[in-house]
């Protein structure tokens, strides 16, 4: 992630003689721009999907730091399970219910992106850490997911459009959570040793 540097108010060439403007700007800085996209103002369905995104993003970052093959395999198994469950609840509940509220081409692209991710997950699962291209494929999957998340979360994206639609996203969130819990119970034991 790129970092940006901000010039400090104390280093500005002209100093203010009044304390009020800097106090006001300090208060404005404290309340502006520091909010995560996973906000309380989002309806439950969006909050749940964004929470999944943040969790998997964190795991991809963590994966980059790992050196032991056993650790890589264990973490990738968590990533794969989370992505499989997430894509399934989106495809079974969220996307179909948002047809008509969200641009058709955006939803079509999301299905295609899911399909590509599923294929890459299957390729990685057929491999072992340490094999040629294993780490590269995990990295590419992470970049692929990052792009997909951006498409969903950006202004004017799938989530923004869905919030303007007619669906009850609170009730949908309850259905998403129930299905996610069901899938986690169904799929997780198959991966446990």
C-alpha atoms as a PDB file:
ATOM      1  CA  UNK A   1       0.000   0.000   0.000  1.00  0.00           C
ATOM      2  CA  UNK A   2       1.344   3.415  -0.911  1.00  0.00           C
ATOM      3  CA  UNK A   3       1.778   5.932   1.839  1.00  0.00           C
ATOM      4  CA  UNK A   4       1.330   9.618   1.446  1.00  0.00           C
ATOM      5  CA  UNK A   5       3.075  12.242   3.435  1.00  0.00           C
ATOM      6  CA  UNK A   6       1.193  15.188   4.825  1.00  0.00           C
ATOM      7  CA  UNK A   7       2.896  18.410   5.625  1.00  0.00           C
ATOM      8  CA  UNK A   8       2.766  19.248   9.273  1.00  0.00           C
ATOM      9  CA  UNK A   9       0.939  22.459  10.247  1.00  0.00           C
ATOM     10  CA  UNK A  10       3.974  23.500  12.324  1.00  0.00           C
ATOM     11  CA  UNK A  11       6.203  23.338   9.232  1.00  0.00           C
ATOM     12  CA  UNK A  12       4.016  25.540   7.061  1.00  0.00           C
ATOM     13  CA  UNK A  13       5.745  28.694   5.863  1.00  0.00           C
ATOM     14  CA  UNK A  14       3.179  31.082   7.336  1.00  0.00           C
ATOM     15  CA  UNK A  15       2.177  30.666  10.960  1.00  0.00           C
ATOM     16  CA  UNK A  16      -1.281  31.630  12.126  1.00  0.00           C
ATOM     17  CA  UNK A  17      -1.468  34.142  14.935  1.00  0.00           C
ATOM     18  CA  UNK A  18      -4.808  32.807  16.140  1.00  0.00           C
ATOM     19  CA  UNK A  19      -5.174  29.512  17.991  1.00  0.00           C
ATOM     20  CA  UNK A  20      -8.754  29.004  16.824  1.00  0.00           C
ATOM     21  CA  UNK A  21      -8.051  28.078  13.167  1.00  0.00           C
ATOM     22  CA  UNK A  22      -5.494  25.446  14.126  1.00  0.00           C
ATOM     23  CA  UNK A  23      -7.745  24.050  16.845  1.00  0.00           C
ATOM     24  CA  UNK A  24     -10.557  23.873  14.334  1.00  0.00           C
ATOM     25  CA  UNK A  25      -8.359  22.197  11.723  1.00  0.00           C
ATOM     26  CA  UNK A  26      -7.103  19.762  14.334  1.00  0.00           C
ATOM     27  CA  UNK A  27     -10.672  18.817  15.252  1.00  0.00           C
ATOM     28  CA  UNK A  28     -11.572  18.502  11.574  1.00  0.00           C
ATOM     29  CA  UNK A  29      -8.625  16.173  11.000  1.00  0.00           C
ATOM     30  CA  UNK A  30      -9.676  13.986  13.907  1.00  0.00           C
ATOM     31  CA  UNK A  31     -13.160  13.465  12.477  1.00  0.00           C
ATOM     32  CA  UNK A  32     -12.430  13.269   8.762  1.00  0.00           C
ATOM     33  CA  UNK A  33     -11.126  10.587   6.476  1.00  0.00           C
ATOM     34  CA  UNK A  34     -10.039   7.988   9.003  1.00  0.00           C
ATOM     35  CA  UNK A  35     -13.100   5.779   8.821  1.00  0.00           C
ATOM     36  CA  UNK A  36     -12.865   2.229   7.472  1.00  0.00           C
ATOM     37  CA  UNK A  37     -15.216   1.311   4.669  1.00  0.00           C
ATOM     38  CA  UNK A  38     -16.834  -1.203   6.977  1.00  0.00           C
ATOM     39  CA  UNK A  39     -18.980   1.410   8.692  1.00  0.00           C
ATOM     40  CA  UNK A  40     -21.883   1.173  11.076  1.00  0.00           C
ATOM     41  CA  UNK A  41     -24.072   3.070   8.652  1.00  0.00           C
ATOM     42  CA  UNK A  42     -23.963   0.145   6.209  1.00  0.00           C
ATOM     43  CA  UNK A  43     -26.851  -2.332   6.347  1.00  0.00           C
ATOM     44  CA  UNK A  44     -26.136  -5.785   7.776  1.00  0.00           C
ATOM     45  CA  UNK A  45     -25.659  -7.542   4.413  1.00  0.00           C
ATOM     46  CA  UNK A  46     -22.986  -5.048   3.359  1.00  0.00           C
ATOM     47  CA  UNK A  47     -21.287  -5.083   6.780  1.00  0.00           C
ATOM     48  CA  UNK A  48     -21.018  -8.880   6.714  1.00  0.00           C
ATOM     49  CA  UNK A  49     -19.596  -9.000   3.192  1.00  0.00           C
ATOM     50  CA  UNK A  50     -17.121  -6.204   3.931  1.00  0.00           C
ATOM     51  CA  UNK A  51     -16.025  -7.955   7.136  1.00  0.00           C
ATOM     52  CA  UNK A  52     -15.270 -11.057   5.053  1.00  0.00           C
ATOM     53  CA  UNK A  53     -13.225  -8.898   2.679  1.00  0.00           C
ATOM     54  CA  UNK A  54     -11.168  -7.387   5.511  1.00  0.00           C
ATOM     55  CA  UNK A  55     -10.530 -10.809   7.064  1.00  0.00           C
ATOM     56  CA  UNK A  56      -9.247 -12.352   3.825  1.00  0.00           C
ATOM     57  CA  UNK A  57      -7.195  -9.260   2.949  1.00  0.00           C
ATOM     58  CA  UNK A  58      -5.471  -9.609   6.327  1.00  0.00           C
ATOM     59  CA  UNK A  59      -4.752 -13.262   5.708  1.00  0.00           C
ATOM     60  CA  UNK A  60      -3.213 -12.563   2.296  1.00  0.00           C
ATOM     61  CA  UNK A  61      -0.957  -9.960   3.965  1.00  0.00           C
ATOM     62  CA  UNK A  62      -0.048 -12.478   6.660  1.00  0.00           C
ATOM     63  CA  UNK A  63       0.710 -15.145   4.039  1.00  0.00           C
ATOM     64  CA  UNK A  64       3.356 -12.884   2.491  1.00  0.00           C
ATOM     65  CA  UNK A  65       5.299 -12.986   5.782  1.00  0.00           C
ATOM     66  CA  UNK A  66       5.312 -16.767   6.203  1.00  0.00           C
ATOM     67  CA  UNK A  67       8.326 -18.940   5.460  1.00  0.00           C
ATOM     68  CA  UNK A  68       7.366 -22.419   6.697  1.00  0.00           C
ATOM     69  CA  UNK A  69       5.467 -24.605   4.233  1.00  0.00           C
ATOM     70  CA  UNK A  70       3.188 -26.006   6.945  1.00  0.00           C
ATOM     71  CA  UNK A  71       2.200 -22.479   8.005  1.00  0.00           C
ATOM     72  CA  UNK A  72       1.552 -21.488   4.385  1.00  0.00           C
ATOM     73  CA  UNK A  73      -0.642 -24.525   3.808  1.00  0.00           C
ATOM     74  CA  UNK A  74      -2.641 -23.985   7.004  1.00  0.00           C
ATOM     75  CA  UNK A  75      -3.250 -20.316   6.211  1.00  0.00           C
ATOM     76  CA  UNK A  76      -4.106 -20.979   2.583  1.00  0.00           C
ATOM     77  CA  UNK A  77      -6.653 -23.571   3.718  1.00  0.00           C
ATOM     78  CA  UNK A  78      -8.323 -20.841   5.824  1.00  0.00           C
ATOM     79  CA  UNK A  79      -8.246 -18.413   2.888  1.00  0.00           C
ATOM     80  CA  UNK A  80      -9.687 -21.001   0.491  1.00  0.00           C
ATOM     81  CA  UNK A  81     -12.515 -21.940   2.863  1.00  0.00           C
ATOM     82  CA  UNK A  82     -13.413 -18.313   3.514  1.00  0.00           C
ATOM     83  CA  UNK A  83     -13.419 -17.492  -0.202  1.00  0.00           C
ATOM     84  CA  UNK A  84     -15.486 -20.541  -1.120  1.00  0.00           C
ATOM     85  CA  UNK A  85     -18.103 -19.724   1.493  1.00  0.00           C
ATOM     86  CA  UNK A  86     -18.108 -16.013   0.650  1.00  0.00           C
ATOM     87  CA  UNK A  87     -18.520 -16.561  -3.085  1.00  0.00           C
ATOM     88  CA  UNK A  88     -21.272 -19.104  -2.480  1.00  0.00           C
ATOM     89  CA  UNK A  89     -23.361 -16.821  -0.258  1.00  0.00           C
ATOM     90  CA  UNK A  90     -22.926 -13.965  -2.707  1.00  0.00           C
ATOM     91  CA  UNK A  91     -23.949 -16.176  -5.638  1.00  0.00           C
ATOM     92  CA  UNK A  92     -26.859 -17.865  -3.846  1.00  0.00           C
ATOM     93  CA  UNK A  93     -28.317 -14.844  -2.057  1.00  0.00           C
ATOM     94  CA  UNK A  94     -26.759 -11.426  -2.627  1.00  0.00           C
ATOM     95  CA  UNK A  95     -26.266 -11.287  -6.406  1.00  0.00           C
ATOM     96  CA  UNK A  96     -29.594 -12.865  -7.418  1.00  0.00           C
ATOM     97  CA  UNK A  97     -31.553 -10.637  -5.037  1.00  0.00           C
ATOM     98  CA  UNK A  98     -29.740  -7.547  -6.306  1.00  0.00           C
ATOM     99  CA  UNK A  99     -30.558  -8.163  -9.988  1.00  0.00           C
ATOM    100  CA  UNK A 100     -32.536  -5.134 -11.030  1.00  0.00           C
ATOM    101  CA  UNK A 101     -31.004  -2.904  -8.353  1.00  0.00           C
ATOM    102  CA  UNK A 102     -27.401  -3.293  -9.579  1.00  0.00           C
ATOM    103  CA  UNK A 103     -26.170  -2.870 -13.150  1.00  0.00           C
ATOM    104  CA  UNK A 104     -26.376  -6.212 -14.965  1.00  0.00           C
ATOM    105  CA  UNK A 105     -22.855  -6.005 -16.403  1.00  0.00           C
ATOM    106  CA  UNK A 106     -21.351  -5.438 -12.937  1.00  0.00           C
ATOM    107  CA  UNK A 107     -23.060  -8.550 -11.600  1.00  0.00           C
ATOM    108  CA  UNK A 108     -22.074 -10.554 -14.673  1.00  0.00           C
ATOM    109  CA  UNK A 109     -18.429  -9.505 -14.196  1.00  0.00           C
ATOM    110  CA  UNK A 110     -18.614 -10.434 -10.509  1.00  0.00           C
ATOM    111  CA  UNK A 111     -19.762 -13.971 -11.401  1.00  0.00           C
ATOM    112  CA  UNK A 112     -16.902 -14.276 -13.913  1.00  0.00           C
ATOM    113  CA  UNK A 113     -14.401 -13.012 -11.321  1.00  0.00           C
ATOM    114  CA  UNK A 114     -15.728 -15.586  -8.837  1.00  0.00           C
ATOM    115  CA  UNK A 115     -15.317 -18.321 -11.437  1.00  0.00           C
ATOM    116  CA  UNK A 116     -11.707 -17.310 -12.097  1.00  0.00           C
ATOM    117  CA  UNK A 117     -10.946 -17.252  -8.376  1.00  0.00           C
ATOM    118  CA  UNK A 118     -12.507 -20.699  -7.872  1.00  0.00           C
ATOM    119  CA  UNK A 119     -10.362 -22.145 -10.661  1.00  0.00           C
ATOM    120  CA  UNK A 120      -7.191 -20.648  -9.187  1.00  0.00           C
ATOM    121  CA  UNK A 121      -8.123 -21.905  -5.710  1.00  0.00           C
ATOM    122  CA  UNK A 122      -8.572 -25.421  -7.151  1.00  0.00           C
ATOM    123  CA  UNK A 123      -5.155 -25.230  -8.835  1.00  0.00           C
ATOM    124  CA  UNK A 124      -3.494 -24.129  -5.597  1.00  0.00           C
ATOM    125  CA  UNK A 125      -5.289 -26.820  -3.577  1.00  0.00           C
ATOM    126  CA  UNK A 126      -3.913 -29.445  -5.986  1.00  0.00           C
ATOM    127  CA  UNK A 127      -0.384 -28.266  -5.142  1.00  0.00           C
ATOM    128  CA  UNK A 128       1.831 -28.162  -2.080  1.00  0.00           C
ATOM    129  CA  UNK A 129       3.799 -25.199  -0.729  1.00  0.00           C
ATOM    130  CA  UNK A 130       7.324 -25.334  -2.057  1.00  0.00           C
ATOM    131  CA  UNK A 131       6.208 -26.445  -5.514  1.00  0.00           C
ATOM    132  CA  UNK A 132       6.986 -24.180  -8.431  1.00  0.00           C
ATOM    133  CA  UNK A 133       4.512 -21.290  -8.693  1.00  0.00           C
ATOM    134  CA  UNK A 134       2.637 -22.100  -5.457  1.00  0.00           C
ATOM    135  CA  UNK A 135       3.477 -18.793  -3.781  1.00  0.00           C
ATOM    136  CA  UNK A 136       3.048 -16.918  -7.059  1.00  0.00           C
ATOM    137  CA  UNK A 137      -0.442 -18.355  -7.510  1.00  0.00           C
ATOM    138  CA  UNK A 138      -1.424 -17.419  -3.953  1.00  0.00           C
ATOM    139  CA  UNK A 139      -0.136 -13.890  -4.576  1.00  0.00           C
ATOM    140  CA  UNK A 140      -2.049 -13.603  -7.866  1.00  0.00           C
ATOM    141  CA  UNK A 141      -5.199 -14.888  -6.143  1.00  0.00           C
ATOM    142  CA  UNK A 142      -4.773 -12.173  -3.515  1.00  0.00           C
ATOM    143  CA  UNK A 143      -4.427  -9.517  -6.202  1.00  0.00           C
ATOM    144  CA  UNK A 144      -7.428 -10.936  -8.023  1.00  0.00           C
ATOM    145  CA  UNK A 145      -9.522 -10.780  -4.848  1.00  0.00           C
ATOM    146  CA  UNK A 146      -8.307  -7.250  -4.121  1.00  0.00           C
ATOM    147  CA  UNK A 147      -9.542  -6.160  -7.563  1.00  0.00           C
ATOM    148  CA  UNK A 148     -12.886  -7.889  -7.032  1.00  0.00           C
ATOM    149  CA  UNK A 149     -13.334  -6.248  -3.618  1.00  0.00           C
ATOM    150  CA  UNK A 150     -12.599  -2.844  -5.147  1.00  0.00           C
ATOM    151  CA  UNK A 151     -15.286  -3.444  -7.794  1.00  0.00           C
ATOM    152  CA  UNK A 152     -17.811  -4.261  -5.085  1.00  0.00           C
ATOM    153  CA  UNK A 153     -16.899  -1.547  -2.576  1.00  0.00           C
ATOM    154  CA  UNK A 154     -15.998   1.460  -4.727  1.00  0.00           C
ATOM    155  CA  UNK A 155     -18.366   4.433  -5.025  1.00  0.00           C
ATOM    156  CA  UNK A 156     -20.937   3.461  -7.639  1.00  0.00           C
ATOM    157  CA  UNK A 157     -19.964  -0.205  -7.242  1.00  0.00           C
ATOM    158  CA  UNK A 158     -22.155  -3.174  -6.441  1.00  0.00           C
ATOM    159  CA  UNK A 159     -22.549  -2.363  -2.740  1.00  0.00           C
ATOM    160  CA  UNK A 160     -23.308   1.321  -3.347  1.00  0.00           C
ATOM    161  CA  UNK A 161     -25.917   0.454  -5.947  1.00  0.00           C
ATOM    162  CA  UNK A 162     -27.478  -2.219  -3.747  1.00  0.00           C
ATOM    163  CA  UNK A 163     -27.890   0.274  -0.885  1.00  0.00           C
ATOM    164  CA  UNK A 164     -29.977   2.474  -3.208  1.00  0.00           C
ATOM    165  CA  UNK A 165     -32.198  -0.450  -4.249  1.00  0.00           C
ATOM    166  CA  UNK A 166     -35.413  -1.886  -2.873  1.00  0.00           C
ATOM    167  CA  UNK A 167     -34.057  -4.962  -1.098  1.00  0.00           C
ATOM    168  CA  UNK A 168     -34.166  -5.179   2.699  1.00  0.00           C
ATOM    169  CA  UNK A 169     -30.420  -5.508   3.285  1.00  0.00           C
ATOM    170  CA  UNK A 170     -30.890  -6.056   7.020  1.00  0.00           C
ATOM    171  CA  UNK A 171     -33.052  -9.139   6.435  1.00  0.00           C
ATOM    172  CA  UNK A 172     -30.732 -10.267   3.648  1.00  0.00           C
ATOM    173  CA  UNK A 173     -27.818  -9.941   6.080  1.00  0.00           C
ATOM    174  CA  UNK A 174     -29.545 -12.387   8.419  1.00  0.00           C
ATOM    175  CA  UNK A 175     -29.972 -14.860   5.542  1.00  0.00           C
ATOM    176  CA  UNK A 176     -26.332 -14.388   4.483  1.00  0.00           C
ATOM    177  CA  UNK A 177     -25.108 -15.036   8.030  1.00  0.00           C
ATOM    178  CA  UNK A 178     -27.303 -18.112   8.458  1.00  0.00           C
ATOM    179  CA  UNK A 179     -26.097 -19.584   5.153  1.00  0.00           C
ATOM    180  CA  UNK A 180     -22.485 -18.731   5.955  1.00  0.00           C
ATOM    181  CA  UNK A 181     -22.751 -20.506   9.321  1.00  0.00           C
ATOM    182  CA  UNK A 182     -24.308 -23.521   7.593  1.00  0.00           C
ATOM    183  CA  UNK A 183     -21.570 -23.676   4.937  1.00  0.00           C
ATOM    184  CA  UNK A 184     -18.763 -23.216   7.460  1.00  0.00           C
ATOM    185  CA  UNK A 185     -20.124 -26.134   9.493  1.00  0.00           C
ATOM    186  CA  UNK A 186     -20.498 -28.218   6.347  1.00  0.00           C
ATOM    187  CA  UNK A 187     -17.142 -27.439   4.703  1.00  0.00           C
ATOM    188  CA  UNK A 188     -14.757 -26.769   7.601  1.00  0.00           C
ATOM    189  CA  UNK A 189     -14.735 -30.305   9.090  1.00  0.00           C
ATOM    190  CA  UNK A 190     -13.751 -31.711   5.694  1.00  0.00           C
ATOM    191  CA  UNK A 191     -10.528 -29.675   5.903  1.00  0.00           C
ATOM    192  CA  UNK A 192      -9.804 -30.357   9.601  1.00  0.00           C
ATOM    193  CA  UNK A 193      -7.359 -33.144  10.436  1.00  0.00           C
END
